Amino acid sequence: MLVVGRKPGQYIVINEKIIIKVVKSEEGHLRLAIEAPKDIPIVRGELFNQE
């Protein structure tokens, strides 16, 4: 597992196909924007664990 600190506007690229960008961060709340090819499913953790 990679753990990194990012500020709003900064991003991480995975395998040149997936971009995870911090779009908002305030008082413990974080919002991420995720760009990925349509054939890669993106599921929130709480839903993933229900399966």
PDB file of N, CA and C in Angstrom:
ATOM      1  N   MET A   1       0.844  -1.173   0.000  1.00  0.00           N
ATOM      2  CA  MET A   1       0.000   0.000   0.000  1.00  0.00           C
ATOM      3  C   MET A   1       0.890   1.236   0.000  1.00  0.00           C
ATOM      4  N   LEU A   2       0.566   2.181  -0.857  1.00  0.00           N
ATOM      5  CA  LEU A   2       1.270   3.453  -0.936  1.00  0.00           C
ATOM      6  C   LEU A   2       0.444   4.501  -0.214  1.00  0.00           C
ATOM      7  N   VAL A   3       1.060   5.221   0.696  1.00  0.00           N
ATOM      8  CA  VAL A   3       0.384   6.302   1.408  1.00  0.00           C
ATOM      9  C   VAL A   3       1.123   7.594   1.078  1.00  0.00           C
ATOM     10  N   VAL A   4       0.401   8.566   0.511  1.00  0.00           N
ATOM     11  CA  VAL A   4       1.013   9.845   0.152  1.00  0.00           C
ATOM     12  C   VAL A   4       0.114  10.987   0.595  1.00  0.00           C
ATOM     13  N   GLY A   5       0.712  12.111   0.837  1.00  0.00           N
ATOM     14  CA  GLY A   5      -0.042  13.320   1.142  1.00  0.00           C
ATOM     15  C   GLY A   5      -0.189  14.139  -0.127  1.00  0.00           C
ATOM     16  N   ARG A   6      -1.371  14.645  -0.388  1.00  0.00           N
ATOM     17  CA  ARG A   6      -1.641  15.469  -1.564  1.00  0.00           C
ATOM     18  C   ARG A   6      -2.478  16.663  -1.133  1.00  0.00           C
ATOM     19  N   LYS A   7      -2.283  17.783  -1.803  1.00  0.00           N
ATOM     20  CA  LYS A   7      -3.061  18.991  -1.556  1.00  0.00           C
ATOM     21  C   LYS A   7      -4.085  19.145  -2.681  1.00  0.00           C
ATOM     22  N   PRO A   8      -5.135  19.938  -2.466  1.00  0.00           N
ATOM     23  CA  PRO A   8      -6.102  20.164  -3.543  1.00  0.00           C
ATOM     24  C   PRO A   8      -5.402  20.607  -4.832  1.00  0.00           C
ATOM     25  N   GLY A   9      -5.813  19.998  -5.938  1.00  0.00           N
ATOM     26  CA  GLY A   9      -5.215  20.288  -7.234  1.00  0.00           C
ATOM     27  C   GLY A   9      -4.116  19.313  -7.618  1.00  0.00           C
ATOM     28  N   GLN A  10      -3.552  18.605  -6.642  1.00  0.00           N
ATOM     29  CA  GLN A  10      -2.519  17.622  -6.928  1.00  0.00           C
ATOM     30  C   GLN A  10      -3.173  16.283  -7.238  1.00  0.00           C
ATOM     31  N   TYR A  11      -2.438  15.421  -7.914  1.00  0.00           N
ATOM     32  CA  TYR A  11      -3.018  14.147  -8.321  1.00  0.00           C
ATOM     33  C   TYR A  11      -1.972  13.040  -8.350  1.00  0.00           C
ATOM     34  N   ILE A  12      -2.474  11.819  -8.502  1.00  0.00           N
ATOM     35  CA  ILE A  12      -1.659  10.606  -8.604  1.00  0.00           C
ATOM     36  C   ILE A  12      -2.100   9.890  -9.877  1.00  0.00           C
ATOM     37  N   VAL A  13      -1.141   9.351 -10.616  1.00  0.00           N
ATOM     38  CA  VAL A  13      -1.447   8.615 -11.838  1.00  0.00           C
ATOM     39  C   VAL A  13      -1.069   7.149 -11.622  1.00  0.00           C
ATOM     40  N   ILE A  14      -1.978   6.239 -11.970  1.00  0.00           N
ATOM     41  CA  ILE A  14      -1.751   4.804 -11.833  1.00  0.00           C
ATOM     42  C   ILE A  14      -1.741   4.182 -13.219  1.00  0.00           C
ATOM     43  N   ASN A  15      -0.639   3.570 -13.564  1.00  0.00           N
ATOM     44  CA  ASN A  15      -0.509   2.832 -14.825  1.00  0.00           C
ATOM     45  C   ASN A  15      -0.859   3.673 -16.059  1.00  0.00           C
ATOM     46  N   GLU A  16      -0.596   4.963 -15.988  1.00  0.00           N
ATOM     47  CA  GLU A  16      -0.848   5.903 -17.087  1.00  0.00           C
ATOM     48  C   GLU A  16      -2.296   5.917 -17.571  1.00  0.00           C
ATOM     49  N   LYS A  17      -3.215   5.293 -16.819  1.00  0.00           N
ATOM     50  CA  LYS A  17      -4.615   5.198 -17.236  1.00  0.00           C
ATOM     51  C   LYS A  17      -5.592   5.758 -16.209  1.00  0.00           C
ATOM     52  N   ILE A  18      -5.222   5.738 -14.954  1.00  0.00           N
ATOM     53  CA  ILE A  18      -6.122   6.160 -13.883  1.00  0.00           C
ATOM     54  C   ILE A  18      -5.525   7.388 -13.198  1.00  0.00           C
ATOM     55  N   ILE A  19      -6.323   8.445 -13.087  1.00  0.00           N
ATOM     56  CA  ILE A  19      -5.878   9.668 -12.423  1.00  0.00           C
ATOM     57  C   ILE A  19      -6.777   9.904 -11.215  1.00  0.00           C
ATOM     58  N   ILE A  20      -6.161  10.074 -10.065  1.00  0.00           N
ATOM     59  CA  ILE A  20      -6.892  10.363  -8.827  1.00  0.00           C
ATOM     60  C   ILE A  20      -6.446  11.745  -8.374  1.00  0.00           C
ATOM     61  N   LYS A  21      -7.395  12.684  -8.367  1.00  0.00           N
ATOM     62  CA  LYS A  21      -7.084  14.076  -8.071  1.00  0.00           C
ATOM     63  C   LYS A  21      -7.828  14.533  -6.822  1.00  0.00           C
ATOM     64  N   VAL A  22      -7.134  15.256  -5.953  1.00  0.00           N
ATOM     65  CA  VAL A  22      -7.761  15.845  -4.771  1.00  0.00           C
ATOM     66  C   VAL A  22      -8.434  17.136  -5.228  1.00  0.00           C
ATOM     67  N   VAL A  23      -9.753  17.220  -5.069  1.00  0.00           N
ATOM     68  CA  VAL A  23     -10.467  18.418  -5.503  1.00  0.00           C
ATOM     69  C   VAL A  23     -10.922  19.283  -4.336  1.00  0.00           C
ATOM     70  N   LYS A  24     -10.944  18.736  -3.126  1.00  0.00           N
ATOM     71  CA  LYS A  24     -11.357  19.524  -1.973  1.00  0.00           C
ATOM     72  C   LYS A  24     -10.833  18.868  -0.710  1.00  0.00           C
ATOM     73  N   SER A  25     -10.379  19.671   0.210  1.00  0.00           N
ATOM     74  CA  SER A  25      -9.911  19.145   1.486  1.00  0.00           C
ATOM     75  C   SER A  25     -10.112  20.225   2.546  1.00  0.00           C
ATOM     76  N   GLU A  26     -10.955  19.939   3.525  1.00  0.00           N
ATOM     77  CA  GLU A  26     -11.162  20.894   4.604  1.00  0.00           C
ATOM     78  C   GLU A  26     -11.646  20.168   5.851  1.00  0.00           C
ATOM     79  N   GLU A  27     -11.080  20.516   6.965  1.00  0.00           N
ATOM     80  CA  GLU A  27     -11.511  20.015   8.272  1.00  0.00           C
ATOM     81  C   GLU A  27     -11.840  18.523   8.289  1.00  0.00           C
ATOM     82  N   GLY A  28     -10.947  17.705   7.767  1.00  0.00           N
ATOM     83  CA  GLY A  28     -11.137  16.268   7.823  1.00  0.00           C
ATOM     84  C   GLY A  28     -11.972  15.677   6.714  1.00  0.00           C
ATOM     85  N   HIS A  29     -12.511  16.501   5.816  1.00  0.00           N
ATOM     86  CA  HIS A  29     -13.297  16.004   4.690  1.00  0.00           C
ATOM     87  C   HIS A  29     -12.455  16.071   3.424  1.00  0.00           C
ATOM     88  N   LEU A  30     -12.557  15.053   2.621  1.00  0.00           N
ATOM     89  CA  LEU A  30     -11.751  14.959   1.411  1.00  0.00           C
ATOM     90  C   LEU A  30     -12.631  14.553   0.247  1.00  0.00           C
ATOM     91  N   ARG A  31     -12.446  15.196  -0.896  1.00  0.00           N
ATOM     92  CA  ARG A  31     -13.168  14.821  -2.117  1.00  0.00           C
ATOM     93  C   ARG A  31     -12.141  14.487  -3.182  1.00  0.00           C
ATOM     94  N   LEU A  32     -12.378  13.374  -3.854  1.00  0.00           N
ATOM     95  CA  LEU A  32     -11.482  12.913  -4.906  1.00  0.00           C
ATOM     96  C   LEU A  32     -12.228  12.860  -6.229  1.00  0.00           C
ATOM     97  N   ALA A  33     -11.522  13.172  -7.309  1.00  0.00           N
ATOM     98  CA  ALA A  33     -12.037  12.980  -8.657  1.00  0.00           C
ATOM     99  C   ALA A  33     -11.219  11.852  -9.262  1.00  0.00           C
ATOM    100  N   ILE A  34     -11.897  10.862  -9.841  1.00  0.00           N
ATOM    101  CA  ILE A  34     -11.205   9.702 -10.403  1.00  0.00           C
ATOM    102  C   ILE A  34     -11.527   9.610 -11.890  1.00  0.00           C
ATOM    103  N   GLU A  35     -10.487   9.621 -12.709  1.00  0.00           N
ATOM    104  CA  GLU A  35     -10.636   9.417 -14.147  1.00  0.00           C
ATOM    105  C   GLU A  35     -10.054   8.054 -14.475  1.00  0.00           C
ATOM    106  N   ALA A  36     -10.855   7.210 -15.108  1.00  0.00           N
ATOM    107  CA  ALA A  36     -10.409   5.866 -15.470  1.00  0.00           C
ATOM    108  C   ALA A  36     -11.163   5.414 -16.718  1.00  0.00           C
ATOM    109  N   PRO A  37     -10.584   4.481 -17.462  1.00  0.00           N
ATOM    110  CA  PRO A  37     -11.309   3.931 -18.613  1.00  0.00           C
ATOM    111  C   PRO A  37     -12.634   3.313 -18.162  1.00  0.00           C
ATOM    112  N   LYS A  38     -13.623   3.347 -19.027  1.00  0.00           N
ATOM    113  CA  LYS A  38     -14.961   2.843 -18.667  1.00  0.00           C
ATOM    114  C   LYS A  38     -14.974   1.362 -18.335  1.00  0.00           C
ATOM    115  N   ASP A  39     -13.988   0.601 -18.817  1.00  0.00           N
ATOM    116  CA  ASP A  39     -13.974  -0.837 -18.533  1.00  0.00           C
ATOM    117  C   ASP A  39     -13.380  -1.162 -17.162  1.00  0.00           C
ATOM    118  N   ILE A  40     -12.951  -0.152 -16.408  1.00  0.00           N
ATOM    119  CA  ILE A  40     -12.419  -0.365 -15.056  1.00  0.00           C
ATOM    120  C   ILE A  40     -13.488   0.064 -14.056  1.00  0.00           C
ATOM    121  N   PRO A  41     -14.061  -0.879 -13.295  1.00  0.00           N
ATOM    122  CA  PRO A  41     -15.098  -0.509 -12.333  1.00  0.00           C
ATOM    123  C   PRO A  41     -14.516   0.274 -11.158  1.00  0.00           C
ATOM    124  N   ILE A  42     -15.256   1.269 -10.706  1.00  0.00           N
ATOM    125  CA  ILE A  42     -14.882   2.046  -9.523  1.00  0.00           C
ATOM    126  C   ILE A  42     -16.023   1.886  -8.531  1.00  0.00           C
ATOM    127  N   VAL A  43     -15.730   1.322  -7.364  1.00  0.00           N
ATOM    128  CA  VAL A  43     -16.755   1.027  -6.355  1.00  0.00           C
ATOM    129  C   VAL A  43     -16.294   1.588  -5.015  1.00  0.00           C
ATOM    130  N   ARG A  44     -17.199   2.261  -4.310  1.00  0.00           N
ATOM    131  CA  ARG A  44     -16.871   2.762  -2.971  1.00  0.00           C
ATOM    132  C   ARG A  44     -16.601   1.584  -2.041  1.00  0.00           C
ATOM    133  N   GLY A  45     -15.714   1.782  -1.092  1.00  0.00           N
ATOM    134  CA  GLY A  45     -15.300   0.719  -0.182  1.00  0.00           C
ATOM    135  C   GLY A  45     -16.442   0.071   0.571  1.00  0.00           C
ATOM    136  N   GLU A  46     -17.391   0.880   1.054  1.00  0.00           N
ATOM    137  CA  GLU A  46     -18.500   0.304   1.841  1.00  0.00           C
ATOM    138  C   GLU A  46     -19.386  -0.584   0.975  1.00  0.00           C
ATOM    139  N   LEU A  47     -19.495  -0.316  -0.304  1.00  0.00           N
ATOM    140  CA  LEU A  47     -20.267  -1.180  -1.186  1.00  0.00           C
ATOM    141  C   LEU A  47     -19.473  -2.415  -1.589  1.00  0.00           C
ATOM    142  N   PHE A  48     -18.177  -2.255  -1.780  1.00  0.00           N
ATOM    143  CA  PHE A  48     -17.312  -3.359  -2.147  1.00  0.00           C
ATOM    144  C   PHE A  48     -17.305  -4.443  -1.064  1.00  0.00           C
ATOM    145  N   ASN A  49     -17.289  -4.031   0.185  1.00  0.00           N
ATOM    146  CA  ASN A  49     -17.256  -4.970   1.302  1.00  0.00           C
ATOM    147  C   ASN A  49     -18.576  -5.701   1.495  1.00  0.00           C
ATOM    148  N   GLN A  50     -19.681  -5.200   0.943  1.00  0.00           N
ATOM    149  CA  GLN A  50     -20.980  -5.864   1.055  1.00  0.00           C
ATOM    150  C   GLN A  50     -21.088  -7.085   0.144  1.00  0.00           C
ATOM    151  N   GLU A  51     -20.273  -7.109  -0.903  1.00  0.00           N
ATOM    152  CA  GLU A  51     -20.351  -8.203  -1.877  1.00  0.00           C
ATOM    153  C   GLU A  51     -19.787  -9.479  -1.356  1.00  0.00           C
TER     154      GLU A  51
END
